[in-house]
Amino acid sequence: MNINIPEILNKNIAIKARFIKTSNGEIPILFIPQLTDRHFLSEFVIEPIVRNKNIEITSEVLMKEMLTIDEMEIGTDFALIEEHILNGMTVVILDSDYVVVNIKKVERKNVGEPQISYTLRGPKDSLVENLEANLSLLRYRIKDEHMATENFKVGRRTKTSVAMFYLDDVANSKVVEEVRKRINDIDVDGILESGELQQFLTKGKFQIFPQLGIVERSDMAAGAILEGKIVILVDGSGIGLVAPKVFVEYFGSEDDHYDNKFFGAYSKRIRMFALFVMILLMPTYVATVTFKLQYFSPKYLELIYSLRQNVPFSPMIEALLAVFVIELLRESLLRVPNVVGGAIGIAAGVILGDAVVTAGILSTLTLIIATLTLLMSFTPPDFTIAHPFRIFHPILIILAGFFSFWGILGGVIILIIVLATHKSFGVPFLAPIIPFYPGDAAKSFYYSKTDCVQRPKFLNLKDKVRGKKGS
């Protein structure tokens, strides 16, 4: 036996050993109690060995005649035994080799309703923190032999399981290879959540816009795979990653496909319009009140002066204060327990809003605009696209306060340049607008599987046709 069992037990106090005397000596069984199904261990591993202790036991005999476990393998590299055990496996050690038995017992929550991608009509099941459960959800929806699954271990200490799913006869091979390379190149002590993995997969240290989308619902993950995308799941995280993903796709939802196609197109336009209004409304107000009041009629001038007469700050400072208060409320309510979160949010919003207006810190109009900005930032189904705009928003307000509409125009031009030069795994972020693909550009605003039988051309997929045109 080429292994020092006492050394392993002393080094890792979580590892336990069970020794069974047989005709060919003691057979050690190593496992971690907290990660092992003790009932399965007793009934399907220990009992069969004890019952046949008078015969010669080899790895082949264990695999084919004794143990009634569905997942087992024979190992010969004794240096890997400790790694197998720390991964939750049970190891039966023999003289010249060993048998790795999978009777892991991992605590998991049941598949529940989505929390960040709620739907009225779509399926209510969402991804959970267990990789095997998520695999079953995807396999339940996509029963195609071409759905490939690639498994990785990421993190020198955590050895977190990461899985990549895609259709091998549809997905772009270059994108698949790029994702595979980026995962294999990760060198870190541990990955605990898909958000950490997303940061490692993002190319470029100063990329403010995302290169991967997020997905919570299993139907949206399956939809992305059918579209030729790659879905990446991390064991221990209920949020998956989608690559590549371009700008217009952050505003689409699987719900748009389930409802009336015209209403889906209308909803998508509303979301896109809301995000652009979110970053432009407050800067436009600041530039107008600071530099262009002469263009208003006397009636509106009187109204604006009456609203701002007690405010001691300039429009720019007032707007920045309003944005800060709104962002503070947002961040605070995210950390408040769900039981009291709604009540506290309403109380804080009403009381604080009334107090800052009464005290003359903010005007009513500024507070209304700031609240609208908050509401519009929640419209994209994939909220990660709103984060860069939230960062850029106060910068645009400052430009408007100093340089009027020229500052806003310059800021918007810089934003468009950043978006136009950004890429998601080699795919231009503003595709199909820049570069322009006429058919795909039309589909980005109006999409229905009955009418749009071609998959996006800008993805350069192997299989570009999803079906025949409906009647």
Protein backbone atom coordinates (compact mmCIF):
# COMPACT_ATOMS: atom_id res chain seq x y z
CA MET A 1 0.00 0.00 0.00
CA ASN A 2 1.71 3.17 -1.26
CA ILE A 3 0.08 5.63 1.13
CA ASN A 4 0.58 6.81 4.71
CA ILE A 5 -2.94 6.82 6.15
CA PRO A 6 -2.03 8.15 9.65
CA GLU A 7 -0.34 11.12 7.98
CA ILE A 8 -3.52 11.95 6.02
CA LEU A 9 -5.68 11.63 9.14
CA ASN A 10 -3.37 13.87 11.18
CA LYS A 11 -3.10 16.44 8.41
CA ASN A 12 -6.86 16.66 7.79
CA ILE A 13 -8.87 16.19 10.95
CA ALA A 14 -12.11 16.24 8.91
CA ILE A 15 -11.13 12.98 7.19
CA LYS A 16 -12.21 9.80 8.97
CA ALA A 17 -11.21 6.17 8.38
CA ARG A 18 -13.03 2.86 8.76
CA PHE A 19 -10.84 -0.26 8.71
CA ILE A 20 -12.28 -3.65 7.76
CA LYS A 21 -10.37 -6.92 8.30
CA THR A 22 -10.51 -9.26 5.32
CA SER A 23 -8.67 -12.33 4.10
CA ASN A 24 -6.12 -10.13 2.32
CA GLY A 25 -5.52 -7.75 5.23
CA GLU A 26 -7.10 -4.55 6.47
CA ILE A 27 -8.98 -2.44 3.93
CA PRO A 28 -9.15 1.27 4.86
CA ILE A 29 -12.17 3.33 3.81
CA LEU A 30 -11.51 7.08 3.94
CA PHE A 31 -14.25 9.72 3.85
CA ILE A 32 -15.43 13.06 5.28
CA PRO A 33 -18.58 12.50 7.39
CA GLN A 34 -20.07 15.94 6.66
CA LEU A 35 -19.89 15.35 2.89
CA THR A 36 -20.86 11.67 2.85
CA ASP A 37 -24.25 9.98 2.88
CA ARG A 38 -23.66 7.83 5.97
CA HIS A 39 -26.59 5.53 5.20
CA PHE A 40 -25.23 4.78 1.71
CA LEU A 41 -21.75 4.30 3.16
CA SER A 42 -22.96 1.71 5.64
CA GLU A 43 -25.42 -0.15 3.43
CA PHE A 44 -23.76 -0.08 0.02
CA VAL A 45 -20.04 0.07 0.79
CA ILE A 46 -19.16 -1.24 4.26
CA GLU A 47 -21.76 -4.02 4.50
CA PRO A 48 -20.90 -5.71 1.14
CA ILE A 49 -17.20 -5.72 2.06
CA VAL A 50 -17.87 -7.15 5.55
CA ARG A 51 -20.19 -9.77 4.10
CA ASN A 52 -17.49 -10.94 1.65
CA LYS A 53 -14.46 -10.47 3.89
CA ASN A 54 -13.37 -14.12 3.51
CA ILE A 55 -12.75 -13.87 -0.22
CA GLU A 56 -9.94 -12.09 -2.01
CA ILE A 57 -11.05 -8.54 -2.64
CA THR A 58 -9.66 -6.60 -5.59
CA SER A 59 -10.72 -3.38 -7.25
CA GLU A 60 -12.34 -5.34 -10.10
CA VAL A 61 -14.30 -7.47 -7.64
CA LEU A 62 -15.43 -4.37 -5.77
CA MET A 63 -16.54 -2.64 -8.94
CA LYS A 64 -18.30 -5.55 -10.65
CA GLU A 65 -19.54 -7.82 -7.87
CA MET A 66 -19.76 -6.12 -4.46
CA LEU A 67 -20.54 -2.41 -4.42
CA THR A 68 -23.96 -1.37 -5.69
CA ILE A 69 -23.16 2.27 -6.37
CA ASP A 70 -23.81 3.75 -9.79
CA GLU A 71 -20.72 6.01 -9.94
CA MET A 72 -17.31 4.49 -9.21
CA GLU A 73 -13.84 4.51 -10.73
CA ILE A 74 -10.50 2.79 -10.15
CA GLY A 75 -7.49 4.96 -9.36
CA THR A 76 -3.82 4.09 -9.37
CA ASP A 77 -2.21 7.45 -8.51
CA PHE A 78 -2.07 7.44 -4.70
CA ALA A 79 -1.06 11.11 -4.70
CA LEU A 80 -4.61 11.99 -5.76
CA ILE A 81 -6.37 10.17 -2.93
CA GLU A 82 -6.48 13.20 -0.65
CA GLU A 83 -7.92 15.36 -3.44
CA HIS A 84 -10.68 12.81 -4.08
CA ILE A 85 -11.64 12.77 -0.41
CA LEU A 86 -11.66 16.56 -0.11
CA ASN A 87 -13.99 16.63 -3.12
CA GLY A 88 -16.47 14.61 -1.07
CA MET A 89 -15.70 11.15 -2.47
CA THR A 90 -15.28 7.96 -0.46
CA VAL A 91 -12.07 6.03 -1.19
CA VAL A 92 -11.63 2.28 -0.64
CA ILE A 93 -7.87 1.60 -0.56
CA LEU A 94 -6.40 -1.73 -1.68
CA ASP A 95 -2.82 -2.94 -2.11
CA SER A 96 -1.97 -1.68 -5.59
CA ASP A 97 -4.87 0.63 -6.39
CA TYR A 98 -8.05 2.10 -4.92
CA VAL A 99 -11.73 2.62 -5.74
CA VAL A 100 -13.31 6.08 -5.66
CA VAL A 101 -17.02 5.92 -4.79
CA ASN A 102 -19.41 8.84 -5.21
CA ILE A 103 -21.84 8.85 -2.31
CA LYS A 104 -21.62 12.59 -1.67
CA LYS A 105 -24.34 14.23 0.35
CA VAL A 106 -24.44 17.96 -0.39
CA GLU A 107 -26.98 20.15 1.34
CA ARG A 108 -28.97 22.01 -1.29
CA LYS A 109 -32.10 24.08 -1.49
CA ASN A 110 -35.00 23.00 -3.66
CA VAL A 111 -35.58 24.57 -7.05
CA GLY A 112 -37.54 27.73 -6.35
CA GLU A 113 -38.92 30.81 -8.05
CA PRO A 114 -36.52 33.39 -9.51
CA GLN A 115 -35.74 36.38 -7.34
CA ILE A 116 -34.22 38.81 -9.87
CA SER A 117 -35.92 37.69 -13.11
CA TYR A 118 -39.55 37.37 -12.08
CA THR A 119 -42.00 36.37 -14.80
CA LEU A 120 -45.77 36.45 -15.13
CA ARG A 121 -46.18 33.81 -17.82
CA GLY A 122 -42.85 31.99 -18.12
CA PRO A 123 -41.63 28.98 -16.10
CA LYS A 124 -40.99 29.68 -12.43
CA ASP A 125 -38.01 27.36 -11.89
CA SER A 126 -34.62 28.99 -11.44
CA LEU A 127 -31.04 27.83 -11.15
CA VAL A 128 -29.85 26.79 -7.69
CA GLU A 129 -26.49 26.50 -5.94
CA ASN A 130 -25.98 22.89 -7.00
CA LEU A 131 -24.33 22.16 -10.34
CA GLU A 132 -25.92 18.74 -10.82
CA ALA A 133 -29.40 20.14 -10.19
CA ASN A 134 -28.77 22.89 -12.75
CA LEU A 135 -27.55 20.32 -15.28
CA SER A 136 -30.79 18.38 -14.83
CA LEU A 137 -32.81 21.58 -15.42
CA LEU A 138 -31.00 22.22 -18.70
CA ARG A 139 -31.18 18.60 -19.83
CA TYR A 140 -34.89 18.63 -19.03
CA ARG A 141 -35.35 21.45 -21.53
CA ILE A 142 -32.77 20.54 -24.21
CA LYS A 143 -32.82 16.84 -25.08
CA ASP A 144 -30.31 17.11 -27.91
CA GLU A 145 -27.24 14.88 -28.14
CA HIS A 146 -25.31 17.87 -29.49
CA MET A 147 -25.51 19.79 -26.21
CA ALA A 148 -21.90 19.57 -25.05
CA THR A 149 -20.83 19.84 -21.42
CA GLU A 150 -17.26 20.64 -20.42
CA ASN A 151 -16.20 20.45 -16.78
CA PHE A 152 -13.39 22.39 -15.11
CA LYS A 153 -11.88 22.73 -11.65
CA VAL A 154 -11.08 26.35 -10.81
CA GLY A 155 -9.17 27.50 -7.75
CA ARG A 156 -6.10 25.88 -6.25
CA ARG A 157 -7.73 25.56 -2.82
CA THR A 158 -11.47 25.50 -3.46
CA LYS A 159 -11.29 23.39 -6.66
CA THR A 160 -14.70 24.77 -7.59
CA SER A 161 -16.59 22.84 -10.25
CA VAL A 162 -17.36 24.94 -13.32
CA ALA A 163 -19.36 23.66 -16.29
CA MET A 164 -19.69 25.08 -19.79
CA PHE A 165 -22.75 24.23 -21.91
CA TYR A 166 -23.26 24.81 -25.64
CA LEU A 167 -24.53 23.17 -28.81
CA ASP A 168 -21.44 21.85 -30.57
CA ASP A 169 -23.13 21.91 -34.00
CA VAL A 170 -24.32 25.52 -33.57
CA ALA A 171 -21.92 27.55 -31.42
CA ASN A 172 -18.97 29.44 -32.89
CA SER A 173 -15.86 27.27 -32.39
CA LYS A 174 -13.61 30.31 -31.89
CA VAL A 175 -15.80 31.64 -29.09
CA VAL A 176 -15.93 28.18 -27.46
CA GLU A 177 -12.15 27.94 -27.60
CA GLU A 178 -11.73 31.45 -26.21
CA VAL A 179 -14.04 30.73 -23.25
CA ARG A 180 -12.26 27.43 -22.61
CA LYS A 181 -8.86 29.15 -22.72
CA ARG A 182 -9.89 31.92 -20.32
CA ILE A 183 -11.23 29.39 -17.80
CA ASN A 184 -8.08 27.25 -18.01
CA ASP A 185 -5.87 30.34 -17.61
CA ILE A 186 -7.43 31.28 -14.24
CA ASP A 187 -4.84 30.93 -11.49
CA VAL A 188 -6.26 31.87 -8.11
CA ASP A 189 -6.67 30.26 -4.71
CA GLY A 190 -10.45 30.06 -4.92
CA ILE A 191 -13.68 30.91 -6.77
CA LEU A 192 -16.82 31.05 -4.64
CA GLU A 193 -19.43 32.60 -6.95
CA SER A 194 -20.08 33.16 -10.63
CA GLY A 195 -19.50 36.90 -10.15
CA GLU A 196 -15.87 36.21 -9.27
CA LEU A 197 -15.51 33.96 -12.30
CA GLN A 198 -17.06 36.68 -14.47
CA GLN A 199 -14.33 39.11 -13.44
CA PHE A 200 -11.60 36.63 -14.39
CA LEU A 201 -13.26 35.93 -17.74
CA THR A 202 -13.52 39.64 -18.57
CA LYS A 203 -10.64 40.64 -20.82
CA GLY A 204 -9.08 44.03 -20.03
CA LYS A 205 -8.50 45.58 -16.61
CA PHE A 206 -10.45 48.77 -17.30
CA GLN A 207 -13.55 47.35 -18.99
CA ILE A 208 -16.53 49.07 -17.40
CA PHE A 209 -19.15 47.35 -19.57
CA PRO A 210 -19.86 43.63 -19.10
CA GLN A 211 -18.60 40.99 -21.53
CA LEU A 212 -20.87 38.27 -20.16
CA GLY A 213 -24.53 38.36 -19.33
CA ILE A 214 -26.14 36.77 -16.30
CA VAL A 215 -29.04 34.33 -16.21
CA GLU A 216 -31.11 33.05 -13.30
CA ARG A 217 -33.98 31.19 -14.91
CA SER A 218 -33.40 27.82 -16.55
CA ASP A 219 -35.62 28.65 -19.54
CA MET A 220 -33.51 31.75 -20.26
CA ALA A 221 -30.33 29.67 -20.00
CA ALA A 222 -31.79 27.09 -22.40
CA GLY A 223 -32.88 29.88 -24.76
CA ALA A 224 -29.35 31.29 -24.82
CA ILE A 225 -27.91 27.85 -25.64
CA LEU A 226 -30.40 27.39 -28.50
CA GLU A 227 -29.36 30.79 -29.82
CA GLY A 228 -25.77 29.56 -30.15
CA LYS A 229 -24.46 31.08 -26.92
CA ILE A 230 -22.35 29.47 -24.20
CA VAL A 231 -23.75 29.15 -20.69
CA ILE A 232 -21.29 28.83 -17.80
CA LEU A 233 -22.43 27.55 -14.41
CA VAL A 234 -20.49 27.55 -11.15
CA ASP A 235 -21.10 25.06 -8.37
CA GLY A 236 -22.35 27.04 -5.38
CA SER A 237 -23.94 29.84 -7.41
CA GLY A 238 -27.54 30.22 -8.56
CA ILE A 239 -26.57 32.73 -11.26
CA GLY A 240 -25.21 31.52 -14.61
CA LEU A 241 -23.12 33.42 -17.16
CA VAL A 242 -23.85 33.81 -20.88
CA ALA A 243 -21.22 34.51 -23.56
CA PRO A 244 -21.07 36.30 -25.87
CA LYS A 245 -23.73 38.94 -25.22
CA VAL A 246 -24.13 42.22 -27.09
CA PHE A 247 -25.70 45.48 -25.94
CA VAL A 248 -29.23 45.09 -27.35
CA GLU A 249 -29.54 41.57 -25.88
CA TYR A 250 -29.38 42.92 -22.33
CA PHE A 251 -32.85 44.39 -22.87
CA GLY A 252 -34.46 41.19 -24.13
CA SER A 253 -36.26 38.63 -22.02
CA GLU A 254 -37.66 35.18 -22.69
CA ASP A 255 -41.00 36.65 -21.59
CA ASP A 256 -41.02 38.65 -24.84
CA HIS A 257 -41.21 35.34 -26.74
CA TYR A 258 -44.03 33.91 -24.63
CA ASP A 259 -46.43 36.85 -25.00
CA ASN A 260 -47.81 38.63 -28.04
CA LYS A 261 -44.86 39.33 -30.35
CA PHE A 262 -45.86 42.95 -30.91
CA PHE A 263 -46.18 43.57 -27.19
CA GLY A 264 -42.76 41.92 -26.69
CA ALA A 265 -41.21 44.32 -29.21
CA TYR A 266 -42.97 47.24 -27.53
CA SER A 267 -41.69 46.19 -24.08
CA LYS A 268 -38.12 45.92 -25.34
CA ARG A 269 -38.27 49.43 -26.81
CA ILE A 270 -39.59 50.76 -23.49
CA ARG A 271 -36.65 49.21 -21.63
CA MET A 272 -34.06 50.63 -24.02
CA PHE A 273 -35.71 54.06 -24.03
CA ALA A 274 -35.84 54.07 -20.23
CA LEU A 275 -32.13 53.39 -19.85
CA PHE A 276 -31.14 56.24 -22.16
CA VAL A 277 -33.59 58.62 -20.48
CA MET A 278 -32.11 57.54 -17.14
CA ILE A 279 -28.68 58.99 -17.95
CA LEU A 280 -29.90 62.02 -19.96
CA LEU A 281 -32.87 63.34 -17.96
CA MET A 282 -31.03 64.80 -14.97
CA PRO A 283 -28.09 66.24 -17.00
CA THR A 284 -30.60 67.87 -19.38
CA TYR A 285 -32.42 69.40 -16.41
CA VAL A 286 -29.14 70.74 -14.97
CA ALA A 287 -28.01 72.23 -18.30
CA THR A 288 -31.42 73.79 -18.92
CA VAL A 289 -31.83 75.37 -15.48
CA THR A 290 -28.20 76.57 -15.40
CA PHE A 291 -27.79 77.97 -18.92
CA LYS A 292 -31.04 78.00 -20.90
CA LEU A 293 -33.77 79.45 -18.68
CA GLN A 294 -34.33 82.31 -21.13
CA TYR A 295 -35.95 79.89 -23.55
CA PHE A 296 -38.80 79.14 -21.14
CA SER A 297 -42.05 81.08 -21.04
CA PRO A 298 -42.56 83.39 -18.04
CA LYS A 299 -45.07 80.93 -16.57
CA TYR A 300 -42.55 78.08 -16.47
CA LEU A 301 -39.82 80.43 -15.25
CA GLU A 302 -41.98 81.41 -12.33
CA LEU A 303 -42.69 77.75 -11.53
CA ILE A 304 -39.00 76.78 -11.57
CA TYR A 305 -38.02 79.78 -9.46
CA SER A 306 -40.76 78.96 -6.93
CA LEU A 307 -39.57 75.35 -6.66
CA ARG A 308 -35.92 76.38 -6.23
CA GLN A 309 -36.26 79.54 -4.17
CA ASN A 310 -35.25 77.86 -0.89
CA VAL A 311 -32.51 75.65 -2.37
CA PRO A 312 -29.05 77.07 -1.48
CA PHE A 313 -27.14 74.93 -4.01
CA SER A 314 -26.50 75.26 -7.71
CA PRO A 315 -28.52 72.94 -9.98
CA MET A 316 -25.45 70.73 -10.49
CA ILE A 317 -24.75 70.29 -6.76
CA GLU A 318 -28.46 69.78 -6.09
CA ALA A 319 -28.64 67.06 -8.76
CA LEU A 320 -25.56 65.29 -7.40
CA LEU A 321 -27.05 65.36 -3.90
CA ALA A 322 -30.31 63.89 -5.22
CA VAL A 323 -28.44 61.12 -7.05
CA PHE A 324 -26.42 60.37 -3.91
CA VAL A 325 -29.58 60.13 -1.75
CA ILE A 326 -31.28 57.82 -4.26
CA GLU A 327 -28.21 55.59 -4.56
CA LEU A 328 -27.92 55.50 -0.77
CA LEU A 329 -31.55 54.37 -0.47
CA ARG A 330 -30.99 51.71 -3.13
CA GLU A 331 -27.90 50.27 -1.47
CA SER A 332 -29.45 50.36 2.01
CA LEU A 333 -32.65 48.60 0.98
CA LEU A 334 -30.67 45.83 -0.73
CA ARG A 335 -29.19 44.92 2.67
CA VAL A 336 -32.42 45.20 4.69
CA PRO A 337 -34.18 41.89 5.54
CA ASN A 338 -37.06 41.10 3.18
CA VAL A 339 -39.58 41.01 6.03
CA VAL A 340 -39.21 44.73 6.77
CA GLY A 341 -37.55 45.93 3.56
CA GLY A 342 -40.73 47.10 1.81
CA ALA A 343 -42.07 48.98 4.84
CA ILE A 344 -38.73 50.64 5.56
CA GLY A 345 -38.33 51.60 1.90
CA ILE A 346 -41.73 53.32 1.78
CA ALA A 347 -41.21 55.03 5.14
CA ALA A 348 -37.69 56.18 4.28
CA GLY A 349 -38.73 57.40 0.83
CA VAL A 350 -41.77 59.36 2.01
CA ILE A 351 -40.24 60.80 5.20
CA LEU A 352 -36.85 61.59 3.71
CA GLY A 353 -38.33 63.02 0.52
CA ASP A 354 -40.67 65.30 2.43
CA ALA A 355 -37.89 66.35 4.82
CA VAL A 356 -35.33 67.33 2.16
CA VAL A 357 -37.93 69.35 0.24
CA THR A 358 -39.25 71.09 3.38
CA ALA A 359 -35.71 71.88 4.54
CA GLY A 360 -34.89 73.38 1.15
CA ILE A 361 -32.06 70.94 0.44
CA LEU A 362 -33.67 69.66 -2.77
CA SER A 363 -36.45 70.97 -4.97
CA THR A 364 -39.53 68.89 -5.71
CA LEU A 365 -38.73 68.72 -9.43
CA THR A 366 -35.18 67.45 -8.78
CA LEU A 367 -36.49 64.78 -6.44
CA ILE A 368 -39.08 63.67 -9.01
CA ILE A 369 -36.39 63.36 -11.70
CA ALA A 370 -34.08 61.43 -9.34
CA THR A 371 -36.91 59.00 -8.46
CA LEU A 372 -37.72 58.45 -12.14
CA THR A 373 -34.04 57.77 -12.73
CA LEU A 374 -34.09 55.11 -10.02
CA LEU A 375 -37.17 53.42 -11.49
CA MET A 376 -35.77 53.40 -15.03
CA SER A 377 -32.49 51.83 -13.90
CA PHE A 378 -34.40 48.64 -12.98
CA THR A 379 -36.01 48.12 -16.40
CA PRO A 380 -33.30 45.96 -18.12
CA PRO A 381 -33.90 42.23 -17.44
CA ASP A 382 -30.12 41.84 -17.06
CA PHE A 383 -29.40 44.55 -14.49
CA THR A 384 -25.62 44.40 -14.98
CA ILE A 385 -25.92 46.64 -18.06
CA ALA A 386 -27.32 49.45 -15.87
CA HIS A 387 -24.27 49.55 -13.55
CA PRO A 388 -21.90 51.28 -16.02
CA PHE A 389 -24.58 53.87 -16.77
CA ARG A 390 -25.06 54.50 -13.06
CA ILE A 391 -21.33 55.22 -12.80
CA PHE A 392 -21.41 57.47 -15.88
CA HIS A 393 -24.56 59.34 -14.75
CA PRO A 394 -22.95 61.74 -12.20
CA ILE A 395 -20.08 62.40 -14.63
CA LEU A 396 -22.61 63.53 -17.25
CA ILE A 397 -24.29 65.76 -14.63
CA ILE A 398 -20.95 67.45 -13.88
CA LEU A 399 -20.28 67.97 -17.61
CA ALA A 400 -23.75 69.48 -17.98
CA GLY A 401 -23.18 71.78 -14.99
CA PHE A 402 -19.94 73.20 -16.42
CA PHE A 403 -20.38 73.01 -20.21
CA SER A 404 -24.17 72.97 -20.75
CA PHE A 405 -25.46 70.84 -23.64
CA TRP A 406 -22.00 70.75 -25.22
CA GLY A 407 -20.83 68.84 -22.17
CA ILE A 408 -23.70 66.37 -22.52
CA LEU A 409 -22.96 65.94 -26.22
CA GLY A 410 -19.26 65.35 -25.56
CA GLY A 411 -20.05 62.84 -22.81
CA VAL A 412 -22.49 60.93 -25.03
CA ILE A 413 -19.94 60.81 -27.87
CA ILE A 414 -17.31 59.38 -25.49
CA LEU A 415 -19.88 56.82 -24.27
CA ILE A 416 -20.69 55.74 -27.84
CA ILE A 417 -16.97 55.39 -28.65
CA VAL A 418 -16.45 53.22 -25.56
CA LEU A 419 -19.42 51.04 -26.53
CA ALA A 420 -18.35 50.81 -30.18
CA THR A 421 -14.82 49.65 -29.29
CA HIS A 422 -16.01 47.18 -26.64
CA LYS A 423 -16.21 43.47 -27.54
CA SER A 424 -17.72 40.39 -25.97
CA PHE A 425 -15.46 37.42 -26.78
CA GLY A 426 -14.59 38.87 -30.17
CA VAL A 427 -18.14 39.98 -31.02
CA PRO A 428 -18.60 43.80 -31.34
CA PHE A 429 -20.68 45.00 -28.40
CA LEU A 430 -22.90 47.27 -30.52
CA ALA A 431 -23.62 44.60 -33.14
CA PRO A 432 -25.85 44.42 -35.13
CA ILE A 433 -25.89 48.26 -35.26
CA ILE A 434 -22.10 48.77 -35.39
CA PRO A 435 -21.12 46.96 -37.59
CA PHE A 436 -24.49 47.10 -39.31
CA TYR A 437 -26.38 43.91 -40.09
CA PRO A 438 -29.76 45.02 -41.52
CA GLY A 439 -31.67 41.82 -40.82
CA ASP A 440 -30.27 41.34 -37.32
CA ALA A 441 -30.80 45.03 -36.52
CA ALA A 442 -34.49 44.66 -37.32
CA LYS A 443 -34.71 41.49 -35.22
CA SER A 444 -33.14 43.24 -32.24
CA PHE A 445 -36.28 45.38 -32.01
CA TYR A 446 -38.81 42.88 -33.30
CA TYR A 447 -38.31 39.17 -32.66
CA SER A 448 -40.52 36.14 -33.05
CA LYS A 449 -39.47 32.57 -33.76
CA THR A 450 -42.34 32.29 -36.24
CA ASP A 451 -40.88 35.10 -38.33
CA CYS A 452 -37.15 35.16 -37.49
CA VAL A 453 -35.94 31.76 -38.71
CA GLN A 454 -32.28 32.85 -38.98
CA ARG A 455 -29.99 32.97 -35.98
CA PRO A 456 -27.95 36.19 -35.59
CA LYS A 457 -25.39 36.53 -38.40
CA PHE A 458 -22.98 38.57 -36.28
CA LEU A 459 -22.34 35.50 -34.09
CA ASN A 460 -20.89 33.54 -37.06
CA LEU A 461 -22.56 30.32 -35.98
CA LYS A 462 -22.20 26.90 -37.60
CA ASP A 463 -25.95 26.40 -37.94
CA LYS A 464 -27.54 29.70 -38.91
CA VAL A 465 -31.12 28.44 -39.30
CA ARG A 466 -33.34 27.61 -36.34
CA GLY A 467 -36.43 26.47 -38.28
CA LYS A 468 -38.97 27.22 -40.97
CA LYS A 469 -41.02 30.36 -41.20
CA GLY A 470 -44.47 30.10 -39.64
CA SER A 471 -47.71 30.95 -41.37
